[in-house]
Amino acid sequence: MAPTSHAATTGATAAGGGDGKSYRSALTLLASLFFMWGFITVINNTLLPHLRSVFDLDYTQTTLIESVWFIAYFFASIPSAKLIERIGYQKSLVSGLLIMAAGALGMVLAASIPSYGVTLVMLFVIASGITLLQVAANPYVAVVGPPETASSRLNLVQALNSLGTMLAPSFGAYLILGRSVGGTAKADTVLTPAQRLADAQSVILPYVLVAIVLVVLAVVIARFPLPAMGSSTSRAAKADRKNHSLWKHRNLVFGIPAIFIYLIAEIGVANLFVNFVSQPNIANLTHEQAGNYLTFLWGGMMVGRFVGSAIMQKVRAETLLAVFAVGAFVVMLVSVFTTGHVAMWALISVGLFHSIMFPTIFTLGIKGLGPLTEEGSGLLIMAIAGGALVVVQGKLADMYGLQTSFLLTAACELYILFYALWGSKATHALPDQQPVEAAE
């Protein structure tokens, strides 16, 4: 690890207050945020096939729903950073949760009408709240305790994020798909207008429950004595930043598109999984049954993060990233060119290979940025907007077939391999200010 600067030490002291119990309590509470935004994001994986039936959407329109979600990362990241600067981290966390709760209640309105347009707007609102949480919580977790254990803390909350993504499909399959005609019928079943209206209203209960949990969590965080982060350190580093350029760092320059492209792969697999598995030539399942298999996809991601973290104690991160990229490429080809349960389990297994990609690309991307770490991190977080281009795969699915569209995912894995082997090599490295990572 690079030497820890005064900036990191001051921030950690401010955040931790020298009291191990204090920062551990704060970390436990913050972990719940990572769990919740992972949980809510993955509900979309069961929501998309549901909305496809309700509104009779083609694949392009279906994936546009997820594109709107990730466009929010692009538009909300900079305003979120400015809001944090104005009102502070704790109030920003509360604000993010309340914005998400408002969007969840808006989904109740969209289901009552029902309206495809209102649904898009409300999902954008929820995603904007999650963006604010991401921008606020990631740096906070990095300093809420001793600097030397920052990486360990971030890996822990990333695992909690994965736990949320693993549990969400069962929640969505039971409360959304399991309570709807479209979710329990065979693929390509045509619904009557009355059935579509009833199906649309099946999302009311789950989103009311989500809104209640978010409001309760917002109240708890508002009343919790979160340790304060130091504010003087970022101002002191401004003079250093002027003397350096982000664009001289190859690992960041190629890391930004790596995050962007990786999100296309991850979101494409997750959001089209239910429709893929439901096909007669794959597993011939109902949407409800297929939604339950999403648990294995996200569970593999959680297991992979734990295993990958342990392996990285002895193997270089770049090497392991390259191995996982090759594995992901191979299983995607198997998904495209085979049928039946072989194709289904190949697609499920890509979750294992995707597991370490986001955090590993992120840490490699900010390596050696020194006083530029904050700006570089912001650019990498904005690159999450790459998930919006899942609509490209939707278009390919409409033109050439759903199974063939996963060749786009395979091509994405090849860029990750390129980044691991060459693009991630740091150039013009500077002493790092503090160990910073991000979670999905």
Protein backbone atom coordinates (compact mmCIF):
# COMPACT_ATOMS: atom_id res chain seq x y z
CA MET A 1 0.00 0.00 0.00
CA ALA A 2 1.20 3.51 -0.78
CA PRO A 3 2.18 5.73 2.15
CA THR A 4 -0.79 7.27 3.93
CA SER A 5 -0.87 11.04 3.79
CA HIS A 6 -1.90 13.53 6.41
CA ALA A 7 -5.21 13.85 4.56
CA ALA A 8 -6.13 10.26 5.17
CA THR A 9 -4.92 10.31 8.77
CA THR A 10 -6.85 13.44 9.59
CA GLY A 11 -9.98 12.11 7.95
CA ALA A 12 -9.73 8.83 9.79
CA THR A 13 -9.16 10.53 13.09
CA ALA A 14 -12.13 12.75 12.53
CA ALA A 15 -14.29 9.90 11.50
CA GLY A 16 -13.16 7.37 13.97
CA GLY A 17 -12.67 9.66 16.86
CA GLY A 18 -10.18 7.21 18.31
CA ASP A 19 -13.04 5.03 19.48
CA GLY A 20 -13.11 1.63 17.79
CA LYS A 21 -16.65 0.98 18.98
CA SER A 22 -17.81 4.27 17.47
CA TYR A 23 -16.54 3.60 13.97
CA ARG A 24 -17.62 -0.05 14.06
CA SER A 25 -21.18 1.00 14.97
CA ALA A 26 -21.15 3.56 12.17
CA LEU A 27 -19.81 0.96 9.73
CA THR A 28 -22.57 -1.48 10.65
CA LEU A 29 -25.19 1.16 9.95
CA LEU A 30 -23.55 2.19 6.67
CA ALA A 31 -23.42 -1.45 5.57
CA SER A 32 -27.22 -1.41 5.59
CA LEU A 33 -27.11 1.31 2.91
CA PHE A 34 -24.96 -0.85 0.63
CA PHE A 35 -27.39 -3.73 1.22
CA MET A 36 -30.43 -1.58 0.40
CA TRP A 37 -29.17 -0.05 -2.83
CA GLY A 38 -28.01 -3.47 -4.04
CA PHE A 39 -31.41 -4.89 -3.13
CA ILE A 40 -33.43 -2.16 -4.85
CA THR A 41 -31.25 -2.14 -7.97
CA VAL A 42 -31.71 -5.87 -8.53
CA ILE A 43 -35.48 -5.74 -8.02
CA ASN A 44 -35.37 -4.31 -11.55
CA ASN A 45 -34.28 -7.73 -12.83
CA THR A 46 -37.72 -9.13 -11.95
CA LEU A 47 -39.52 -5.84 -12.62
CA LEU A 48 -38.41 -5.68 -16.27
CA PRO A 49 -40.02 -8.93 -17.50
CA HIS A 50 -43.09 -7.96 -15.47
CA LEU A 51 -43.37 -4.55 -17.16
CA ARG A 52 -42.69 -6.17 -20.54
CA SER A 53 -45.91 -8.18 -20.09
CA VAL A 54 -47.94 -5.34 -18.55
CA PHE A 55 -47.13 -2.76 -21.25
CA ASP A 56 -46.56 -5.25 -24.11
CA LEU A 57 -43.02 -3.94 -24.70
CA ASP A 58 -40.41 -5.13 -27.16
CA TYR A 59 -36.85 -5.78 -25.91
CA THR A 60 -35.71 -2.28 -26.86
CA GLN A 61 -38.44 -0.67 -24.78
CA THR A 62 -37.82 -3.12 -21.94
CA THR A 63 -34.10 -2.39 -21.71
CA LEU A 64 -34.81 1.35 -22.03
CA ILE A 65 -36.25 1.09 -18.51
CA GLU A 66 -32.83 0.03 -17.21
CA SER A 67 -31.11 2.62 -19.39
CA VAL A 68 -33.08 5.37 -17.66
CA TRP A 69 -31.91 3.93 -14.33
CA PHE A 70 -28.23 4.22 -15.24
CA ILE A 71 -28.56 7.55 -17.01
CA ALA A 72 -29.32 8.88 -13.53
CA TYR A 73 -25.74 8.03 -12.49
CA PHE A 74 -24.45 10.32 -15.24
CA PHE A 75 -26.71 13.27 -14.47
CA ALA A 76 -26.89 12.96 -10.68
CA SER A 77 -23.22 12.37 -9.79
CA ILE A 78 -21.98 15.98 -10.01
CA PRO A 79 -25.08 17.52 -8.32
CA SER A 80 -24.69 14.88 -5.58
CA ALA A 81 -21.08 15.92 -4.96
CA LYS A 82 -22.13 19.58 -4.75
CA LEU A 83 -24.97 18.74 -2.37
CA ILE A 84 -22.57 16.82 -0.10
CA GLU A 85 -20.22 19.80 -0.08
CA ARG A 86 -23.12 22.07 0.94
CA ILE A 87 -24.96 20.02 3.58
CA GLY A 88 -22.43 17.37 4.65
CA TYR A 89 -22.29 13.58 4.51
CA GLN A 90 -24.88 12.64 7.12
CA LYS A 91 -27.64 14.90 5.77
CA SER A 92 -26.80 13.73 2.25
CA LEU A 93 -27.25 10.09 3.27
CA VAL A 94 -30.64 10.95 4.75
CA SER A 95 -31.58 12.94 1.64
CA GLY A 96 -30.62 10.05 -0.63
CA LEU A 97 -32.82 7.63 1.31
CA LEU A 98 -35.78 10.02 1.27
CA ILE A 99 -35.39 10.60 -2.48
CA MET A 100 -35.43 6.83 -2.99
CA ALA A 101 -38.53 6.52 -0.77
CA ALA A 102 -40.29 9.22 -2.81
CA GLY A 103 -39.47 7.34 -6.01
CA ALA A 104 -40.75 4.07 -4.52
CA LEU A 105 -44.07 5.74 -3.61
CA GLY A 106 -44.12 7.18 -7.13
CA MET A 107 -43.97 3.62 -8.43
CA VAL A 108 -47.22 3.01 -6.55
CA LEU A 109 -48.74 5.89 -8.53
CA ALA A 110 -47.34 4.51 -11.80
CA ALA A 111 -48.86 1.09 -11.04
CA SER A 112 -52.25 2.58 -10.17
CA ILE A 113 -52.61 4.48 -13.47
CA PRO A 114 -50.78 2.38 -14.97
CA SER A 115 -48.23 4.39 -16.98
CA TYR A 116 -44.99 3.40 -18.72
CA GLY A 117 -43.84 7.05 -18.78
CA VAL A 118 -44.44 7.62 -15.06
CA THR A 119 -42.63 4.35 -14.34
CA LEU A 120 -39.55 5.64 -16.20
CA VAL A 121 -39.60 8.94 -14.27
CA MET A 122 -39.93 7.25 -10.88
CA LEU A 123 -37.15 4.77 -11.57
CA PHE A 124 -34.95 7.76 -12.50
CA VAL A 125 -35.81 9.33 -9.13
CA ILE A 126 -34.93 6.17 -7.21
CA ALA A 127 -31.65 5.82 -9.11
CA SER A 128 -30.78 9.47 -8.39
CA GLY A 129 -31.20 8.78 -4.68
CA ILE A 130 -28.92 5.74 -4.97
CA THR A 131 -26.33 7.86 -6.80
CA LEU A 132 -26.31 10.32 -3.91
CA LEU A 133 -25.79 7.42 -1.50
CA GLN A 134 -22.95 6.04 -3.63
CA VAL A 135 -21.14 9.37 -3.84
CA ALA A 136 -21.53 10.00 -0.10
CA ALA A 137 -21.07 6.52 1.38
CA ASN A 138 -18.01 5.28 -0.52
CA PRO A 139 -15.54 7.93 0.71
CA TYR A 140 -17.14 7.91 4.15
CA VAL A 141 -16.56 4.18 4.59
CA ALA A 142 -12.95 4.67 3.46
CA VAL A 143 -12.18 6.91 6.45
CA VAL A 144 -14.62 5.74 9.13
CA GLY A 145 -11.90 3.94 11.06
CA PRO A 146 -8.16 3.24 10.87
CA PRO A 147 -6.68 4.01 7.40
CA GLU A 148 -4.74 0.74 7.33
CA THR A 149 -7.98 -1.30 7.30
CA ALA A 150 -9.88 0.82 4.74
CA SER A 151 -9.68 -1.87 2.06
CA SER A 152 -11.00 -4.50 4.45
CA ARG A 153 -13.96 -2.32 5.41
CA LEU A 154 -14.88 -1.62 1.79
CA ASN A 155 -14.69 -5.30 0.85
CA LEU A 156 -17.04 -6.05 3.74
CA VAL A 157 -19.70 -3.58 2.64
CA GLN A 158 -19.34 -4.76 -0.97
CA ALA A 159 -20.19 -8.25 0.26
CA LEU A 160 -23.29 -6.82 1.99
CA ASN A 161 -24.19 -5.15 -1.30
CA SER A 162 -23.96 -8.57 -2.96
CA LEU A 163 -26.14 -10.07 -0.24
CA GLY A 164 -28.81 -7.53 -1.13
CA THR A 165 -28.54 -8.39 -4.81
CA MET A 166 -28.78 -12.10 -3.97
CA LEU A 167 -31.97 -11.77 -1.88
CA ALA A 168 -33.80 -9.28 -4.09
CA PRO A 169 -34.72 -11.74 -6.91
CA SER A 170 -36.61 -14.02 -4.49
CA PHE A 171 -38.43 -10.99 -3.08
CA GLY A 172 -39.35 -9.80 -6.57
CA ALA A 173 -40.23 -13.26 -7.84
CA TYR A 174 -42.60 -13.88 -4.91
CA LEU A 175 -44.24 -10.46 -4.50
CA ILE A 176 -44.24 -9.26 -8.13
CA LEU A 177 -43.99 -12.16 -10.58
CA GLY A 178 -45.64 -14.71 -8.30
CA ARG A 179 -48.70 -12.49 -7.80
CA SER A 180 -49.26 -11.71 -11.47
CA VAL A 181 -50.79 -13.58 -14.40
CA GLY A 182 -47.86 -12.69 -16.69
CA GLY A 183 -45.35 -13.88 -14.10
CA THR A 184 -46.94 -17.31 -13.61
CA ALA A 185 -47.83 -18.00 -17.24
CA LYS A 186 -45.67 -19.58 -19.91
CA ALA A 187 -43.55 -17.40 -22.19
CA ASP A 188 -45.37 -15.47 -24.94
CA THR A 189 -48.75 -15.67 -23.18
CA VAL A 190 -50.96 -12.78 -24.37
CA LEU A 191 -52.72 -10.96 -21.52
CA THR A 192 -56.14 -9.33 -21.66
CA PRO A 193 -56.42 -5.61 -20.74
CA ALA A 194 -57.99 -6.56 -17.40
CA GLN A 195 -55.14 -8.95 -16.61
CA ARG A 196 -52.57 -6.27 -17.49
CA LEU A 197 -54.22 -3.79 -15.12
CA ALA A 198 -54.27 -6.37 -12.32
CA ASP A 199 -50.65 -7.30 -12.99
CA ALA A 200 -49.56 -3.65 -12.96
CA GLN A 201 -51.03 -3.24 -9.48
CA SER A 202 -49.07 -6.22 -8.14
CA VAL A 203 -46.02 -3.94 -7.67
CA ILE A 204 -47.86 -1.70 -5.19
CA LEU A 205 -47.24 -3.85 -2.09
CA PRO A 206 -43.49 -4.47 -2.62
CA TYR A 207 -42.78 -0.79 -3.31
CA VAL A 208 -44.82 0.34 -0.29
CA LEU A 209 -42.72 -2.04 1.85
CA VAL A 210 -39.51 -0.69 0.30
CA ALA A 211 -40.59 2.92 0.93
CA ILE A 212 -41.34 2.16 4.60
CA VAL A 213 -37.93 0.55 5.13
CA LEU A 214 -36.16 3.49 3.46
CA VAL A 215 -37.96 6.07 5.60
CA VAL A 216 -37.19 4.13 8.79
CA LEU A 217 -33.53 3.86 7.78
CA ALA A 218 -33.43 7.60 7.03
CA VAL A 219 -34.80 8.40 10.50
CA VAL A 220 -32.25 6.08 12.15
CA ILE A 221 -29.31 7.65 10.27
CA ALA A 222 -30.58 11.17 10.98
CA ARG A 223 -30.61 10.43 14.71
CA PHE A 224 -27.41 8.36 14.80
CA PRO A 225 -24.27 10.17 16.02
CA LEU A 226 -22.18 9.47 12.90
CA PRO A 227 -18.54 10.54 13.37
CA ALA A 228 -17.75 13.67 11.35
CA MET A 229 -15.32 13.60 8.43
CA GLY A 230 -12.58 16.21 8.28
CA SER A 231 -13.19 18.99 5.75
CA SER A 232 -9.87 20.85 5.77
CA THR A 233 -7.90 18.11 4.04
CA SER A 234 -9.58 18.42 0.64
CA ARG A 235 -8.98 22.18 0.59
CA ALA A 236 -5.33 21.71 1.47
CA ALA A 237 -4.81 19.40 -1.52
CA LYS A 238 -6.12 21.84 -4.16
CA ALA A 239 -2.70 23.34 -4.82
CA ASP A 240 -1.23 19.88 -5.42
CA ARG A 241 -3.98 18.98 -7.86
CA LYS A 242 -3.23 21.93 -10.14
CA ASN A 243 0.25 20.58 -10.83
CA HIS A 244 -0.94 17.22 -12.20
CA SER A 245 -3.16 15.92 -15.01
CA LEU A 246 -5.56 13.00 -14.74
CA TRP A 247 -5.06 12.16 -18.39
CA LYS A 248 -1.43 11.17 -17.94
CA HIS A 249 -2.50 8.12 -15.94
CA ARG A 250 -3.08 5.23 -18.34
CA ASN A 251 -4.76 3.09 -15.69
CA LEU A 252 -7.45 5.76 -15.22
CA VAL A 253 -7.83 6.66 -18.91
CA PHE A 254 -8.52 3.03 -19.83
CA GLY A 255 -10.22 2.30 -16.49
CA ILE A 256 -13.12 4.70 -17.14
CA PRO A 257 -14.26 2.83 -20.29
CA ALA A 258 -13.54 -0.46 -18.49
CA ILE A 259 -16.14 0.40 -15.82
CA PHE A 260 -18.49 1.68 -18.51
CA ILE A 261 -18.17 -1.47 -20.61
CA TYR A 262 -18.30 -3.82 -17.63
CA LEU A 263 -21.65 -2.33 -16.61
CA ILE A 264 -23.04 -3.07 -20.07
CA ALA A 265 -22.10 -6.72 -19.55
CA GLU A 266 -23.34 -7.08 -15.98
CA ILE A 267 -26.64 -5.28 -16.48
CA GLY A 268 -27.35 -6.96 -19.80
CA VAL A 269 -27.00 -10.41 -18.26
CA ALA A 270 -29.04 -9.59 -15.16
CA ASN A 271 -31.90 -7.81 -16.87
CA LEU A 272 -32.41 -10.25 -19.74
CA PHE A 273 -31.78 -13.35 -17.62
CA VAL A 274 -35.45 -14.09 -16.81
CA ASN A 275 -36.53 -13.76 -20.44
CA PHE A 276 -33.57 -15.89 -21.58
CA VAL A 277 -34.19 -18.72 -19.12
CA SER A 278 -37.95 -18.69 -19.83
CA GLN A 279 -37.45 -19.55 -23.51
CA PRO A 280 -38.68 -23.02 -24.54
CA ASN A 281 -35.26 -24.01 -25.94
CA ILE A 282 -33.45 -23.03 -22.72
CA ALA A 283 -35.32 -24.04 -19.53
CA ASN A 284 -38.97 -23.41 -20.47
CA LEU A 285 -39.80 -21.85 -17.09
CA THR A 286 -42.37 -19.30 -16.03
CA HIS A 287 -41.04 -15.84 -15.21
CA GLU A 288 -41.62 -16.53 -11.52
CA GLN A 289 -39.55 -19.73 -11.64
CA ALA A 290 -36.81 -18.06 -13.71
CA GLY A 291 -36.70 -15.15 -11.26
CA ASN A 292 -35.77 -17.55 -8.47
CA TYR A 293 -32.69 -18.65 -10.43
CA LEU A 294 -31.43 -15.06 -10.34
CA THR A 295 -30.52 -15.78 -6.72
CA PHE A 296 -27.79 -18.12 -7.97
CA LEU A 297 -26.47 -15.48 -10.37
CA TRP A 298 -26.10 -12.85 -7.63
CA GLY A 299 -25.08 -15.45 -5.03
CA GLY A 300 -22.18 -16.40 -7.29
CA MET A 301 -21.14 -12.77 -7.34
CA MET A 302 -21.10 -12.62 -3.53
CA VAL A 303 -19.10 -15.86 -3.23
CA GLY A 304 -16.69 -14.68 -5.92
CA ARG A 305 -15.97 -11.48 -4.00
CA PHE A 306 -15.10 -13.35 -0.82
CA VAL A 307 -12.97 -15.90 -2.68
CA GLY A 308 -11.37 -13.28 -4.92
CA SER A 309 -10.47 -11.13 -1.92
CA ALA A 310 -8.68 -14.07 -0.31
CA ILE A 311 -6.84 -15.03 -3.52
CA MET A 312 -5.65 -11.43 -3.98
CA GLN A 313 -3.60 -11.80 -0.82
CA LYS A 314 -1.20 -13.91 -2.90
CA VAL A 315 -2.03 -13.15 -6.55
CA ARG A 316 -1.80 -9.75 -8.24
CA ALA A 317 -5.15 -8.10 -8.84
CA GLU A 318 -4.40 -7.61 -12.56
CA THR A 319 -3.65 -11.33 -12.99
CA LEU A 320 -6.82 -12.47 -11.26
CA LEU A 321 -8.88 -9.95 -13.24
CA ALA A 322 -7.47 -11.40 -16.48
CA VAL A 323 -8.33 -14.95 -15.40
CA PHE A 324 -11.88 -13.96 -14.50
CA ALA A 325 -12.30 -12.08 -17.80
CA VAL A 326 -11.29 -15.20 -19.76
CA GLY A 327 -13.71 -17.30 -17.69
CA ALA A 328 -16.55 -14.85 -18.32
CA PHE A 329 -15.81 -14.82 -22.07
CA VAL A 330 -15.90 -18.63 -22.27
CA VAL A 331 -19.18 -19.08 -20.37
CA MET A 332 -20.84 -16.37 -22.46
CA LEU A 333 -19.93 -18.25 -25.64
CA VAL A 334 -21.39 -21.41 -24.09
CA SER A 335 -24.62 -19.49 -23.34
CA VAL A 336 -24.87 -18.30 -26.93
CA PHE A 337 -24.03 -21.52 -28.78
CA THR A 338 -25.73 -24.17 -26.62
CA THR A 339 -29.30 -24.76 -25.44
CA GLY A 340 -31.17 -26.22 -22.47
CA HIS A 341 -29.83 -26.24 -18.93
CA VAL A 342 -26.22 -26.05 -20.16
CA ALA A 343 -26.90 -22.59 -21.57
CA MET A 344 -28.84 -21.56 -18.46
CA TRP A 345 -26.13 -22.60 -15.98
CA ALA A 346 -23.43 -21.06 -18.16
CA LEU A 347 -25.24 -17.73 -17.92
CA ILE A 348 -25.68 -18.16 -14.17
CA SER A 349 -21.96 -18.85 -13.74
CA VAL A 350 -20.99 -15.52 -15.29
CA GLY A 351 -22.00 -13.93 -11.97
CA LEU A 352 -19.03 -15.69 -10.35
CA PHE A 353 -16.63 -14.33 -12.96
CA HIS A 354 -18.11 -10.83 -12.85
CA SER A 355 -17.81 -10.70 -9.06
CA ILE A 356 -14.40 -9.05 -8.69
CA MET A 357 -14.52 -6.92 -11.82
CA PHE A 358 -16.06 -3.67 -10.56
CA PRO A 359 -14.04 -3.26 -7.33
CA THR A 360 -10.82 -4.50 -8.98
CA ILE A 361 -11.11 -2.20 -12.00
CA PHE A 362 -11.93 0.66 -9.65
CA THR A 363 -8.91 0.16 -7.40
CA LEU A 364 -6.58 -0.34 -10.37
CA GLY A 365 -8.04 2.80 -11.96
CA ILE A 366 -7.20 5.08 -9.02
CA LYS A 367 -3.80 3.52 -8.32
CA GLY A 368 -1.06 6.14 -8.24
CA LEU A 369 -3.39 9.15 -8.64
CA GLY A 370 -2.20 10.72 -5.38
CA PRO A 371 -3.90 14.11 -4.88
CA LEU A 372 -6.02 13.40 -7.98
CA THR A 373 -7.68 10.37 -6.37
CA GLU A 374 -10.89 12.23 -5.54
CA GLU A 375 -11.44 13.46 -9.10
CA GLY A 376 -10.49 10.10 -10.60
CA SER A 377 -12.92 8.32 -8.30
CA GLY A 378 -15.70 10.66 -9.38
CA LEU A 379 -15.09 9.89 -13.06
CA LEU A 380 -15.12 6.16 -12.39
CA ILE A 381 -18.41 6.43 -10.51
CA MET A 382 -19.92 8.41 -13.39
CA ALA A 383 -18.86 5.57 -15.70
CA ILE A 384 -21.49 3.40 -13.99
CA ALA A 385 -23.80 5.13 -16.50
CA GLY A 386 -22.54 2.50 -18.96
CA GLY A 387 -25.37 0.34 -17.70
CA ALA A 388 -27.68 2.62 -19.70
CA LEU A 389 -26.34 1.10 -22.94
CA VAL A 390 -28.06 -2.18 -22.11
CA VAL A 391 -30.64 -0.79 -24.55
CA VAL A 392 -28.12 -1.66 -27.30
CA GLN A 393 -28.40 -5.32 -26.34
CA GLY A 394 -32.18 -4.95 -26.34
CA LYS A 395 -32.01 -3.68 -29.92
CA LEU A 396 -29.73 -6.58 -30.90
CA ALA A 397 -32.19 -9.00 -29.28
CA ASP A 398 -35.05 -7.58 -31.34
CA MET A 399 -33.00 -7.76 -34.56
CA TYR A 400 -31.10 -11.04 -34.21
CA GLY A 401 -32.63 -12.91 -31.28
CA LEU A 402 -32.16 -12.78 -27.50
CA GLN A 403 -29.56 -15.56 -27.33
CA THR A 404 -27.41 -14.08 -30.09
CA SER A 405 -27.47 -10.67 -28.36
CA PHE A 406 -25.21 -12.04 -25.62
CA LEU A 407 -22.30 -11.91 -28.06
CA LEU A 408 -22.19 -8.23 -27.04
CA THR A 409 -21.49 -9.36 -23.47
CA ALA A 410 -18.70 -11.64 -24.69
CA ALA A 411 -17.11 -8.70 -26.52
CA CYS A 412 -17.25 -6.64 -23.32
CA GLU A 413 -15.28 -9.36 -21.49
CA LEU A 414 -12.50 -9.02 -24.08
CA TYR A 415 -12.06 -5.33 -23.23
CA ILE A 416 -11.79 -6.22 -19.54
CA LEU A 417 -9.06 -8.72 -20.49
CA PHE A 418 -7.23 -5.98 -22.42
CA TYR A 419 -7.46 -3.68 -19.39
CA ALA A 420 -6.12 -6.35 -17.03
CA LEU A 421 -3.16 -7.20 -19.26
CA TRP A 422 -2.12 -3.72 -20.42
CA GLY A 423 -4.52 -0.84 -19.74
CA SER A 424 -4.30 -1.12 -15.94
CA LYS A 425 -0.53 -0.56 -15.79
CA ALA A 426 -0.04 2.71 -13.91
CA THR A 427 1.90 5.54 -15.57
CA HIS A 428 3.13 8.77 -13.93
CA ALA A 429 2.21 7.28 -10.55
CA LEU A 430 1.97 9.68 -7.61
CA PRO A 431 1.93 8.96 -3.85
CA ASP A 432 -1.64 8.01 -2.98
CA GLN A 433 -3.47 10.27 -0.57
CA GLN A 434 -5.63 7.57 0.89
CA PRO A 435 -6.85 4.06 0.07
CA VAL A 436 -10.18 4.62 -1.68
CA GLU A 437 -12.39 2.04 -3.38
CA ALA A 438 -16.02 1.94 -4.42
CA ALA A 439 -18.87 -0.53 -4.18
CA GLU A 440 -21.59 -1.33 -6.64
